[in-house]
Structure formats: C-alpha cells, structure tokens
Amino acid sequence: MAKLSSSPVVLAAVAHPDDIEFCLAGTLLQLKEAGCEIHMWNLANGCCGDLIRTREEATKVRWAESVASASLAKAIPHPPLFDDLAIFYNQESLSAVSAVVREIRPTIILTHSPQDYMEDHQNTCRLIVTAAFSRSIPNHFTTPKRPPYIDPVRIYHAAPHGLRDGVGTPFQPDLLVDIESVLPLKRSMLASHRSQQEWLEATQGMGAYVEDMVNMARDMARHDTSLSFAEGWRRHSHLGFCPPDYDPLTTLLPEHAVPLDNRQTTFA
C-alpha cells in the first residue's frame, strides 16, 4: 500500500459557488477531521447566478458566501479565475489552473464527474485533471510561473447534481463515504450560500435547496444499506498520477469509506 504523507493536502475544485457544499463537502469535512489540510476552490465566480444584482455585485456576494462556508469548514479558500459559462478547456485556462494546482500541491483532489449535467462542470473536471497530470512536467508552463512537484495525487470524481449526467444516466459510484456525522455542518455550509437559494427558487423551483442536498445524500446511501447519508465517488485512473494502490480516501477514512465492487473490468 502506498504511504500517505503525515498531513495530506486536499483540494476540492469545482465550477461554481455551492457545488462543493452540494456534492462533496461531507467527504471534505471527514478528511479535515482525519488531519488533512483542506482547500476549497470554485473556478467560476457566480456572476450569472442572480436575477437582481449586477454581475459585479453578484460576484462580490458569491465570494463572501464562499469565504463564509470555507470558514465553517476551517478550509483555505481560493478565488475564482473565470466568469460563469466562461470555463473553457484551452491553453490559456489550463496555464492559469495549473499554476494554482502547483501552488497548493494537493495529494488528493475532489472534483466533478467527467460526465455531468452542464459544461462548466465538465470543463472544470478536464482542466483540473490535466493540471494534476502535468504537475511534474517542467516544460508545461503556468501563468503565473510555478515550479512543478512530483508527489502522487489521486483524483476522485463526485456525483453530478441530481445524481445523473446530462443524458439521464445514473451515477454509479465505486466508493461511498459515510457523511452522517458531518451532515449538520455540511448543511450549515450550504446555507451560507443565501443568494444561491434565491436563484434556485426563482429559476428551478428549488426553494428547499438544503433539503434537496440531504435527499441526494440519502439516495446515494442506498448503494449500501448500512449507511443513512453518503457521498459517492469514482476513482480516476492512477496512470500518470499515483501508484495503483494509492487510495487515500480509503486509507484516511477507514471507518467512513465503503468500497463498492461495481466495475465490470478492473485494470491493474
């Protein structure tokens, strides 16, 4: 089994303010309790998630809400790089994202599923995966310039919002994390995003957005009848990232991580 450092660094990297709280904050909180240094990063600024405020006003409000949520988690927040609907997989974006990844030097990354319900999420996933893959490549230039690092990193993909991708295919996890003990704090983190509640209620009829999050955690737990509330994960391939047996969620969270044998084919 590959060894973990004494204080692993975890990066939760998603598209929008509130994506962490909806999809993966429970696992992040469990890792914090296990002794990890945790970082929270929304690549987009939330400027389009408002019907009343200007883009500039919405950006300020969403950043303040993100900082408040990170404070509850005792996490290090990182400012966004892009506007909503402007996360693109191109060289300029990759150089900027790679610089942040090299600054944080994570050994665990929690991010979106490659198959999600919207492009910002999918492009965030692609950028983060490539930035992690190129973390040790000296000739991959970042903006601003940051030195490479060679530590192993394991990437875990969270379930899409609603637990289905854009064409309705259900998310099939290969790992669950029991989040029942940290669910109250996860609720408080999501409730920090008050402007998002206004947006979801007005545009998607989701007035009870915190309860919608809880219901998704309950639905995910149905993959294992011993759990009440869970977040589901799929492990990214180890190739180019870490040794095959490097599975820090399972190692760090032995009482909370539940591997599922759902894969038809297992690659060494």
C-alpha atoms as a PDB file:
ATOM      1  CA  MET A   1       0.000   0.000   0.000  1.00  0.00           C
ATOM      2  CA  ALA A   2       1.358   3.391  -0.973  1.00  0.00           C
ATOM      3  CA  LYS A   3       2.163   5.547   2.062  1.00  0.00           C
ATOM      4  CA  LEU A   4       0.484   8.861   2.816  1.00  0.00           C
ATOM      5  CA  SER A   5       2.300  11.961   3.978  1.00  0.00           C
ATOM      6  CA  SER A   6       1.870  12.996   7.615  1.00  0.00           C
ATOM      7  CA  SER A   7      -0.518  15.793   6.636  1.00  0.00           C
ATOM      8  CA  PRO A   8      -2.117  15.174   3.227  1.00  0.00           C
ATOM      9  CA  VAL A   9      -3.292  18.195   1.246  1.00  0.00           C
ATOM     10  CA  VAL A  10      -6.802  18.014  -0.205  1.00  0.00           C
ATOM     11  CA  LEU A  11      -8.074  20.259  -2.989  1.00  0.00           C
ATOM     12  CA  ALA A  12     -11.822  20.441  -3.599  1.00  0.00           C
ATOM     13  CA  ALA A  13     -12.054  22.079  -7.037  1.00  0.00           C
ATOM     14  CA  VAL A  14     -15.426  22.713  -8.670  1.00  0.00           C
ATOM     15  CA  ALA A  15     -17.104  25.111 -11.061  1.00  0.00           C
ATOM     16  CA  HIS A  16     -19.472  27.302  -9.030  1.00  0.00           C
ATOM     17  CA  PRO A  17     -20.095  28.594  -5.525  1.00  0.00           C
ATOM     18  CA  ASP A  18     -22.205  25.955  -3.704  1.00  0.00           C
ATOM     19  CA  ASP A  19     -21.038  22.991  -5.861  1.00  0.00           C
ATOM     20  CA  ILE A  20     -18.674  21.884  -3.090  1.00  0.00           C
ATOM     21  CA  GLU A  21     -21.403  22.112  -0.480  1.00  0.00           C
ATOM     22  CA  PHE A  22     -23.929  20.220  -2.582  1.00  0.00           C
ATOM     23  CA  CYS A  23     -21.720  17.431  -3.866  1.00  0.00           C
ATOM     24  CA  LEU A  24     -18.628  16.806  -1.761  1.00  0.00           C
ATOM     25  CA  ALA A  25     -18.391  18.855   1.450  1.00  0.00           C
ATOM     26  CA  GLY A  26     -19.185  15.843   3.632  1.00  0.00           C
ATOM     27  CA  THR A  27     -16.138  13.950   2.419  1.00  0.00           C
ATOM     28  CA  LEU A  28     -14.022  17.091   2.688  1.00  0.00           C
ATOM     29  CA  LEU A  29     -15.094  17.522   6.317  1.00  0.00           C
ATOM     30  CA  GLN A  30     -14.296  13.906   7.108  1.00  0.00           C
ATOM     31  CA  LEU A  31     -10.824  14.396   5.647  1.00  0.00           C
ATOM     32  CA  LYS A  32     -10.377  17.537   7.758  1.00  0.00           C
ATOM     33  CA  GLU A  33     -11.221  15.510  10.868  1.00  0.00           C
ATOM     34  CA  ALA A  34      -8.669  12.918   9.733  1.00  0.00           C
ATOM     35  CA  GLY A  35      -5.944  15.570   9.896  1.00  0.00           C
ATOM     36  CA  CYS A  36      -5.794  16.815   6.313  1.00  0.00           C
ATOM     37  CA  GLU A  37      -5.184  20.367   5.166  1.00  0.00           C
ATOM     38  CA  ILE A  38      -8.198  21.239   3.041  1.00  0.00           C
ATOM     39  CA  HIS A  39      -8.583  23.790   0.241  1.00  0.00           C
ATOM     40  CA  MET A  40     -11.807  24.981  -1.401  1.00  0.00           C
ATOM     41  CA  TRP A  41     -11.764  26.421  -4.913  1.00  0.00           C
ATOM     42  CA  ASN A  42     -14.638  27.498  -7.160  1.00  0.00           C
ATOM     43  CA  LEU A  43     -13.186  28.167 -10.608  1.00  0.00           C
ATOM     44  CA  ALA A  44     -16.128  30.414 -11.603  1.00  0.00           C
ATOM     45  CA  ASN A  45     -17.283  33.478  -9.707  1.00  0.00           C
ATOM     46  CA  GLY A  46     -21.065  33.002  -9.737  1.00  0.00           C
ATOM     47  CA  CYS A  47     -21.689  36.215 -11.689  1.00  0.00           C
ATOM     48  CA  CYS A  48     -24.587  34.746 -13.679  1.00  0.00           C
ATOM     49  CA  GLY A  49     -26.420  33.218 -10.729  1.00  0.00           C
ATOM     50  CA  ASP A  50     -28.612  36.206  -9.941  1.00  0.00           C
ATOM     51  CA  LEU A  51     -31.750  37.829 -11.341  1.00  0.00           C
ATOM     52  CA  ILE A  52     -31.467  41.157  -9.495  1.00  0.00           C
ATOM     53  CA  ARG A  53     -27.826  42.057  -8.842  1.00  0.00           C
ATOM     54  CA  THR A  54     -25.352  43.171 -11.485  1.00  0.00           C
ATOM     55  CA  ARG A  55     -22.551  40.779 -12.461  1.00  0.00           C
ATOM     56  CA  GLU A  56     -20.124  42.720 -10.275  1.00  0.00           C
ATOM     57  CA  GLU A  57     -22.488  42.735  -7.289  1.00  0.00           C
ATOM     58  CA  ALA A  58     -23.270  39.046  -7.671  1.00  0.00           C
ATOM     59  CA  THR A  59     -19.555  38.202  -7.841  1.00  0.00           C
ATOM     60  CA  LYS A  60     -18.862  40.025  -4.568  1.00  0.00           C
ATOM     61  CA  VAL A  61     -21.799  38.364  -2.801  1.00  0.00           C
ATOM     62  CA  ARG A  62     -20.909  34.882  -4.021  1.00  0.00           C
ATOM     63  CA  TRP A  63     -17.259  35.280  -2.964  1.00  0.00           C
ATOM     64  CA  ALA A  64     -18.303  36.444   0.514  1.00  0.00           C
ATOM     65  CA  GLU A  65     -20.599  33.418   0.818  1.00  0.00           C
ATOM     66  CA  SER A  66     -17.821  31.072  -0.326  1.00  0.00           C
ATOM     67  CA  VAL A  67     -15.426  32.509   2.244  1.00  0.00           C
ATOM     68  CA  ALA A  68     -18.064  32.090   4.967  1.00  0.00           C
ATOM     69  CA  SER A  69     -18.564  28.452   4.018  1.00  0.00           C
ATOM     70  CA  ALA A  70     -14.808  27.797   3.972  1.00  0.00           C
ATOM     71  CA  SER A  71     -14.528  29.389   7.409  1.00  0.00           C
ATOM     72  CA  LEU A  72     -17.080  26.928   8.788  1.00  0.00           C
ATOM     73  CA  ALA A  73     -15.049  24.051   7.350  1.00  0.00           C
ATOM     74  CA  LYS A  74     -11.737  25.535   8.529  1.00  0.00           C
ATOM     75  CA  ALA A  75     -10.607  25.361   4.906  1.00  0.00           C
ATOM     76  CA  ILE A  76      -8.373  27.611   2.834  1.00  0.00           C
ATOM     77  CA  PRO A  77     -10.460  29.380   0.148  1.00  0.00           C
ATOM     78  CA  HIS A  78      -9.060  30.258  -3.261  1.00  0.00           C
ATOM     79  CA  PRO A  79     -10.507  32.993  -5.513  1.00  0.00           C
ATOM     80  CA  PRO A  80     -12.115  32.156  -8.854  1.00  0.00           C
ATOM     81  CA  LEU A  81     -10.458  32.629 -12.226  1.00  0.00           C
ATOM     82  CA  PHE A  82     -13.417  32.738 -14.594  1.00  0.00           C
ATOM     83  CA  ASP A  83     -16.906  34.083 -15.105  1.00  0.00           C
ATOM     84  CA  ASP A  84     -19.840  31.685 -15.144  1.00  0.00           C
ATOM     85  CA  LEU A  85     -20.255  29.992 -18.535  1.00  0.00           C
ATOM     86  CA  ALA A  86     -16.698  31.010 -19.409  1.00  0.00           C
ATOM     87  CA  ILE A  87     -14.763  27.961 -18.200  1.00  0.00           C
ATOM     88  CA  PHE A  88     -13.164  26.638 -21.372  1.00  0.00           C
ATOM     89  CA  TYR A  89     -10.629  23.901 -21.955  1.00  0.00           C
ATOM     90  CA  ASN A  90      -7.884  25.824 -23.735  1.00  0.00           C
ATOM     91  CA  GLN A  91      -4.210  26.636 -23.253  1.00  0.00           C
ATOM     92  CA  GLU A  92      -4.760  29.950 -21.501  1.00  0.00           C
ATOM     93  CA  SER A  93      -7.192  28.463 -18.982  1.00  0.00           C
ATOM     94  CA  LEU A  94      -5.028  25.398 -18.427  1.00  0.00           C
ATOM     95  CA  SER A  95      -1.948  27.519 -17.702  1.00  0.00           C
ATOM     96  CA  ALA A  96      -3.848  29.503 -15.068  1.00  0.00           C
ATOM     97  CA  VAL A  97      -5.436  26.460 -13.429  1.00  0.00           C
ATOM     98  CA  SER A  98      -2.110  24.613 -13.436  1.00  0.00           C
ATOM     99  CA  ALA A  99      -0.473  27.467 -11.532  1.00  0.00           C
ATOM    100  CA  VAL A 100      -3.000  27.200  -8.709  1.00  0.00           C
ATOM    101  CA  VAL A 101      -2.687  23.419  -8.528  1.00  0.00           C
ATOM    102  CA  ARG A 102       1.100  23.736  -8.286  1.00  0.00           C
ATOM    103  CA  GLU A 103       0.765  26.347  -5.540  1.00  0.00           C
ATOM    104  CA  ILE A 104      -1.485  24.089  -3.450  1.00  0.00           C
ATOM    105  CA  ARG A 105       0.402  20.842  -4.278  1.00  0.00           C
ATOM    106  CA  PRO A 106      -2.522  18.543  -3.451  1.00  0.00           C
ATOM    107  CA  THR A 107      -2.116  14.825  -2.946  1.00  0.00           C
ATOM    108  CA  ILE A 108      -5.902  14.328  -3.049  1.00  0.00           C
ATOM    109  CA  ILE A 109      -8.259  16.093  -5.465  1.00  0.00           C
ATOM    110  CA  LEU A 110     -12.049  16.053  -5.243  1.00  0.00           C
ATOM    111  CA  THR A 111     -13.767  17.366  -8.363  1.00  0.00           C
ATOM    112  CA  HIS A 112     -16.689  16.990 -10.756  1.00  0.00           C
ATOM    113  CA  SER A 113     -17.566  13.929 -12.784  1.00  0.00           C
ATOM    114  CA  PRO A 114     -16.317  13.892 -16.399  1.00  0.00           C
ATOM    115  CA  GLN A 115     -19.953  13.256 -17.337  1.00  0.00           C
ATOM    116  CA  ASP A 116     -22.027  15.967 -15.696  1.00  0.00           C
ATOM    117  CA  TYR A 117     -25.176  17.882 -16.463  1.00  0.00           C
ATOM    118  CA  MET A 118     -23.523  21.128 -17.609  1.00  0.00           C
ATOM    119  CA  GLU A 119     -20.425  22.226 -19.492  1.00  0.00           C
ATOM    120  CA  ASP A 120     -18.881  24.372 -16.756  1.00  0.00           C
ATOM    121  CA  HIS A 121     -18.679  21.275 -14.553  1.00  0.00           C
ATOM    122  CA  GLN A 122     -17.237  19.081 -17.287  1.00  0.00           C
ATOM    123  CA  ASN A 123     -14.679  21.671 -18.380  1.00  0.00           C
ATOM    124  CA  THR A 124     -13.629  22.210 -14.765  1.00  0.00           C
ATOM    125  CA  CYS A 125     -13.050  18.473 -14.469  1.00  0.00           C
ATOM    126  CA  ARG A 126     -10.951  18.417 -17.644  1.00  0.00           C
ATOM    127  CA  LEU A 127      -8.837  21.384 -16.573  1.00  0.00           C
ATOM    128  CA  ILE A 128      -8.213  20.018 -13.081  1.00  0.00           C
ATOM    129  CA  VAL A 129      -7.334  16.544 -14.349  1.00  0.00           C
ATOM    130  CA  THR A 130      -4.851  17.891 -16.898  1.00  0.00           C
ATOM    131  CA  ALA A 131      -3.353  20.330 -14.395  1.00  0.00           C
ATOM    132  CA  ALA A 132      -2.799  17.442 -11.994  1.00  0.00           C
ATOM    133  CA  PHE A 133      -1.357  15.245 -14.744  1.00  0.00           C
ATOM    134  CA  SER A 134       1.100  17.971 -15.769  1.00  0.00           C
ATOM    135  CA  ARG A 135       2.074  18.902 -12.194  1.00  0.00           C
ATOM    136  CA  SER A 136       5.529  17.307 -12.596  1.00  0.00           C
ATOM    137  CA  ILE A 137       6.238  18.372 -16.193  1.00  0.00           C
ATOM    138  CA  PRO A 138       8.865  21.168 -16.215  1.00  0.00           C
ATOM    139  CA  ASN A 139       8.121  22.167 -19.803  1.00  0.00           C
ATOM    140  CA  HIS A 140       4.436  22.754 -19.117  1.00  0.00           C
ATOM    141  CA  PHE A 141       4.402  26.470 -18.418  1.00  0.00           C
ATOM    142  CA  THR A 142       1.959  28.032 -15.989  1.00  0.00           C
ATOM    143  CA  THR A 143       0.653  31.578 -15.629  1.00  0.00           C
ATOM    144  CA  PRO A 144       1.999  32.834 -13.299  1.00  0.00           C
ATOM    145  CA  LYS A 145       5.073  30.614 -13.384  1.00  0.00           C
ATOM    146  CA  ARG A 146       5.112  27.965 -10.670  1.00  0.00           C
ATOM    147  CA  PRO A 147       7.594  25.103 -10.131  1.00  0.00           C
ATOM    148  CA  PRO A 148       6.458  21.521 -10.743  1.00  0.00           C
ATOM    149  CA  TYR A 149       6.072  18.931  -7.992  1.00  0.00           C
ATOM    150  CA  ILE A 150       6.300  15.148  -8.132  1.00  0.00           C
ATOM    151  CA  ASP A 151       4.149  13.955  -5.222  1.00  0.00           C
ATOM    152  CA  PRO A 152       1.484  11.386  -6.116  1.00  0.00           C
ATOM    153  CA  VAL A 153      -2.079  12.625  -6.410  1.00  0.00           C
ATOM    154  CA  ARG A 154      -5.329  10.659  -6.544  1.00  0.00           C
ATOM    155  CA  ILE A 155      -8.357  12.239  -8.180  1.00  0.00           C
ATOM    156  CA  TYR A 156     -11.893  11.357  -7.108  1.00  0.00           C
ATOM    157  CA  HIS A 157     -14.947  12.334  -9.138  1.00  0.00           C
ATOM    158  CA  ALA A 158     -18.122  13.312  -7.294  1.00  0.00           C
ATOM    159  CA  ALA A 159     -21.672  12.573  -8.372  1.00  0.00           C
ATOM    160  CA  PRO A 160     -23.348  15.170 -10.589  1.00  0.00           C
ATOM    161  CA  HIS A 161     -26.011  17.349  -9.055  1.00  0.00           C
ATOM    162  CA  GLY A 162     -29.187  15.268  -9.217  1.00  0.00           C
ATOM    163  CA  LEU A 163     -27.088  12.064  -9.391  1.00  0.00           C
ATOM    164  CA  ARG A 164     -27.467  11.828 -13.191  1.00  0.00           C
ATOM    165  CA  ASP A 165     -25.440  13.117 -16.125  1.00  0.00           C
ATOM    166  CA  GLY A 166     -26.750  15.322 -18.922  1.00  0.00           C
ATOM    167  CA  VAL A 167     -28.492  12.483 -20.771  1.00  0.00           C
ATOM    168  CA  GLY A 168     -30.010  10.985 -17.636  1.00  0.00           C
ATOM    169  CA  THR A 169     -27.564   8.166 -16.957  1.00  0.00           C
ATOM    170  CA  PRO A 170     -27.445   7.419 -13.195  1.00  0.00           C
ATOM    171  CA  PHE A 171     -24.131   7.985 -11.456  1.00  0.00           C
ATOM    172  CA  GLN A 172     -22.584   4.671 -10.417  1.00  0.00           C
ATOM    173  CA  PRO A 173     -20.072   5.099  -7.566  1.00  0.00           C
ATOM    174  CA  ASP A 174     -17.235   2.713  -6.790  1.00  0.00           C
ATOM    175  CA  LEU A 175     -16.713   4.241  -3.342  1.00  0.00           C
ATOM    176  CA  LEU A 176     -19.061   5.701  -0.738  1.00  0.00           C
ATOM    177  CA  VAL A 177     -18.169   7.965   2.162  1.00  0.00           C
ATOM    178  CA  ASP A 178     -20.469   7.986   5.181  1.00  0.00           C
ATOM    179  CA  ILE A 179     -21.231  11.648   5.943  1.00  0.00           C
ATOM    180  CA  GLU A 180     -23.881  11.307   8.639  1.00  0.00           C
ATOM    181  CA  SER A 181     -21.645  12.636  11.438  1.00  0.00           C
ATOM    182  CA  VAL A 182     -20.749  15.792   9.484  1.00  0.00           C
ATOM    183  CA  LEU A 183     -24.098  16.364   7.782  1.00  0.00           C
ATOM    184  CA  PRO A 184     -25.155  19.191  10.170  1.00  0.00           C
ATOM    185  CA  LEU A 185     -22.008  21.142   9.301  1.00  0.00           C
ATOM    186  CA  LYS A 186     -22.451  20.411   5.606  1.00  0.00           C
ATOM    187  CA  ARG A 187     -25.974  21.820   5.885  1.00  0.00           C
ATOM    188  CA  SER A 188     -24.633  24.992   7.504  1.00  0.00           C
ATOM    189  CA  MET A 189     -22.011  25.379   4.782  1.00  0.00           C
ATOM    190  CA  LEU A 190     -24.637  25.140   2.055  1.00  0.00           C
ATOM    191  CA  ALA A 191     -26.920  27.540   3.909  1.00  0.00           C
ATOM    192  CA  SER A 192     -24.095  30.117   3.723  1.00  0.00           C
ATOM    193  CA  HIS A 193     -24.955  30.477   0.028  1.00  0.00           C
ATOM    194  CA  ARG A 194     -28.106  32.507   0.621  1.00  0.00           C
ATOM    195  CA  SER A 195     -28.045  34.158  -2.791  1.00  0.00           C
ATOM    196  CA  GLN A 196     -27.989  30.712  -4.388  1.00  0.00           C
ATOM    197  CA  GLN A 197     -31.206  29.840  -2.592  1.00  0.00           C
ATOM    198  CA  GLU A 198     -32.824  32.887  -4.186  1.00  0.00           C
ATOM    199  CA  TRP A 199     -31.520  31.896  -7.621  1.00  0.00           C
ATOM    200  CA  LEU A 200     -32.560  28.242  -7.398  1.00  0.00           C
ATOM    201  CA  GLU A 201     -36.006  29.083  -6.098  1.00  0.00           C
ATOM    202  CA  ALA A 202     -36.615  31.626  -8.873  1.00  0.00           C
ATOM    203  CA  THR A 203     -35.178  29.617 -11.792  1.00  0.00           C
ATOM    204  CA  GLN A 204     -35.554  25.947 -10.854  1.00  0.00           C
ATOM    205  CA  GLY A 205     -38.228  25.841  -8.170  1.00  0.00           C
ATOM    206  CA  MET A 206     -35.734  24.597  -5.577  1.00  0.00           C
ATOM    207  CA  GLY A 207     -36.814  26.618  -2.546  1.00  0.00           C
ATOM    208  CA  ALA A 208     -35.769  23.852  -0.140  1.00  0.00           C
ATOM    209  CA  TYR A 209     -32.278  23.561  -1.588  1.00  0.00           C
ATOM    210  CA  VAL A 210     -30.650  22.373   1.655  1.00  0.00           C
ATOM    211  CA  GLU A 211     -33.197  19.571   1.942  1.00  0.00           C
ATOM    212  CA  ASP A 212     -32.585  18.691  -1.705  1.00  0.00           C
ATOM    213  CA  MET A 213     -28.918  18.186  -0.815  1.00  0.00           C
ATOM    214  CA  VAL A 214     -29.875  15.982   2.133  1.00  0.00           C
ATOM    215  CA  ASN A 215     -32.180  13.923  -0.083  1.00  0.00           C
ATOM    216  CA  MET A 216     -29.364  13.365  -2.585  1.00  0.00           C
ATOM    217  CA  ALA A 217     -27.114  12.137   0.235  1.00  0.00           C
ATOM    218  CA  ARG A 218     -29.884   9.803   1.360  1.00  0.00           C
ATOM    219  CA  ASP A 219     -30.364   8.486  -2.169  1.00  0.00           C
ATOM    220  CA  MET A 220     -26.621   7.887  -2.583  1.00  0.00           C
ATOM    221  CA  ALA A 221     -26.570   5.895   0.664  1.00  0.00           C
ATOM    222  CA  ARG A 222     -28.966   3.371  -0.874  1.00  0.00           C
ATOM    223  CA  HIS A 223     -25.976   1.798  -2.617  1.00  0.00           C
ATOM    224  CA  ASP A 224     -25.117   0.349   0.822  1.00  0.00           C
ATOM    225  CA  THR A 225     -27.913  -0.450   3.241  1.00  0.00           C
ATOM    226  CA  SER A 226     -25.667   0.111   6.287  1.00  0.00           C
ATOM    227  CA  LEU A 227     -25.492   3.859   5.586  1.00  0.00           C
ATOM    228  CA  SER A 228     -28.041   6.627   6.052  1.00  0.00           C
ATOM    229  CA  PHE A 229     -26.299   9.525   4.253  1.00  0.00           C
ATOM    230  CA  ALA A 230     -23.378   9.246   1.854  1.00  0.00           C
ATOM    231  CA  GLU A 231     -21.414  10.892  -0.925  1.00  0.00           C
ATOM    232  CA  GLY A 232     -20.424   8.732  -3.860  1.00  0.00           C
ATOM    233  CA  TRP A 233     -17.115   8.739  -5.702  1.00  0.00           C
ATOM    234  CA  ARG A 234     -15.416   7.299  -8.759  1.00  0.00           C
ATOM    235  CA  ARG A 235     -11.641   6.970  -8.721  1.00  0.00           C
ATOM    236  CA  HIS A 236      -9.734   8.403 -11.655  1.00  0.00           C
ATOM    237  CA  SER A 237      -7.154   6.133 -13.273  1.00  0.00           C
ATOM    238  CA  HIS A 238      -3.830   6.077 -11.467  1.00  0.00           C
ATOM    239  CA  LEU A 239      -1.866   6.315 -14.735  1.00  0.00           C
ATOM    240  CA  GLY A 240       0.261   9.459 -14.669  1.00  0.00           C
ATOM    241  CA  PHE A 241      -0.947  10.399 -11.196  1.00  0.00           C
ATOM    242  CA  CYS A 242      -0.037   7.878  -8.499  1.00  0.00           C
ATOM    243  CA  PRO A 243       0.784   4.240  -7.724  1.00  0.00           C
ATOM    244  CA  PRO A 244      -2.071   1.804  -8.453  1.00  0.00           C
ATOM    245  CA  ASP A 245      -2.700   1.133  -4.757  1.00  0.00           C
ATOM    246  CA  TYR A 246      -2.761   4.787  -3.716  1.00  0.00           C
ATOM    247  CA  ASP A 247      -6.319   5.194  -2.413  1.00  0.00           C
ATOM    248  CA  PRO A 248      -6.129   7.832   0.330  1.00  0.00           C
ATOM    249  CA  LEU A 249      -9.874   8.139   0.928  1.00  0.00           C
ATOM    250  CA  THR A 250      -9.989   4.505   1.971  1.00  0.00           C
ATOM    251  CA  THR A 251      -6.731   4.776   3.929  1.00  0.00           C
ATOM    252  CA  LEU A 252      -7.569   8.011   5.750  1.00  0.00           C
ATOM    253  CA  LEU A 253     -11.227   7.227   6.392  1.00  0.00           C
ATOM    254  CA  PRO A 254     -11.295   3.545   7.383  1.00  0.00           C
ATOM    255  CA  GLU A 255     -14.466   3.994   9.442  1.00  0.00           C
ATOM    256  CA  HIS A 256     -16.305   6.047   6.821  1.00  0.00           C
ATOM    257  CA  ALA A 257     -15.188   4.835   3.370  1.00  0.00           C
ATOM    258  CA  VAL A 258     -17.105   1.935   1.834  1.00  0.00           C
ATOM    259  CA  PRO A 259     -15.631   0.499  -1.405  1.00  0.00           C
ATOM    260  CA  LEU A 260     -18.174  -0.894  -3.844  1.00  0.00           C
ATOM    261  CA  ASP A 261     -17.388  -3.659  -6.305  1.00  0.00           C
ATOM    262  CA  ASN A 262     -19.305  -2.260  -9.289  1.00  0.00           C
ATOM    263  CA  ARG A 263     -16.719  -2.312 -12.027  1.00  0.00           C
ATOM    264  CA  GLN A 264     -17.111  -4.943 -14.719  1.00  0.00           C
ATOM    265  CA  THR A 265     -13.418  -4.760 -15.538  1.00  0.00           C
ATOM    266  CA  THR A 266     -10.556  -3.912 -13.177  1.00  0.00           C
ATOM    267  CA  PHE A 267      -7.249  -2.674 -14.574  1.00  0.00           C
ATOM    268  CA  ALA A 268      -4.065  -3.139 -12.557  1.00  0.00           C
END
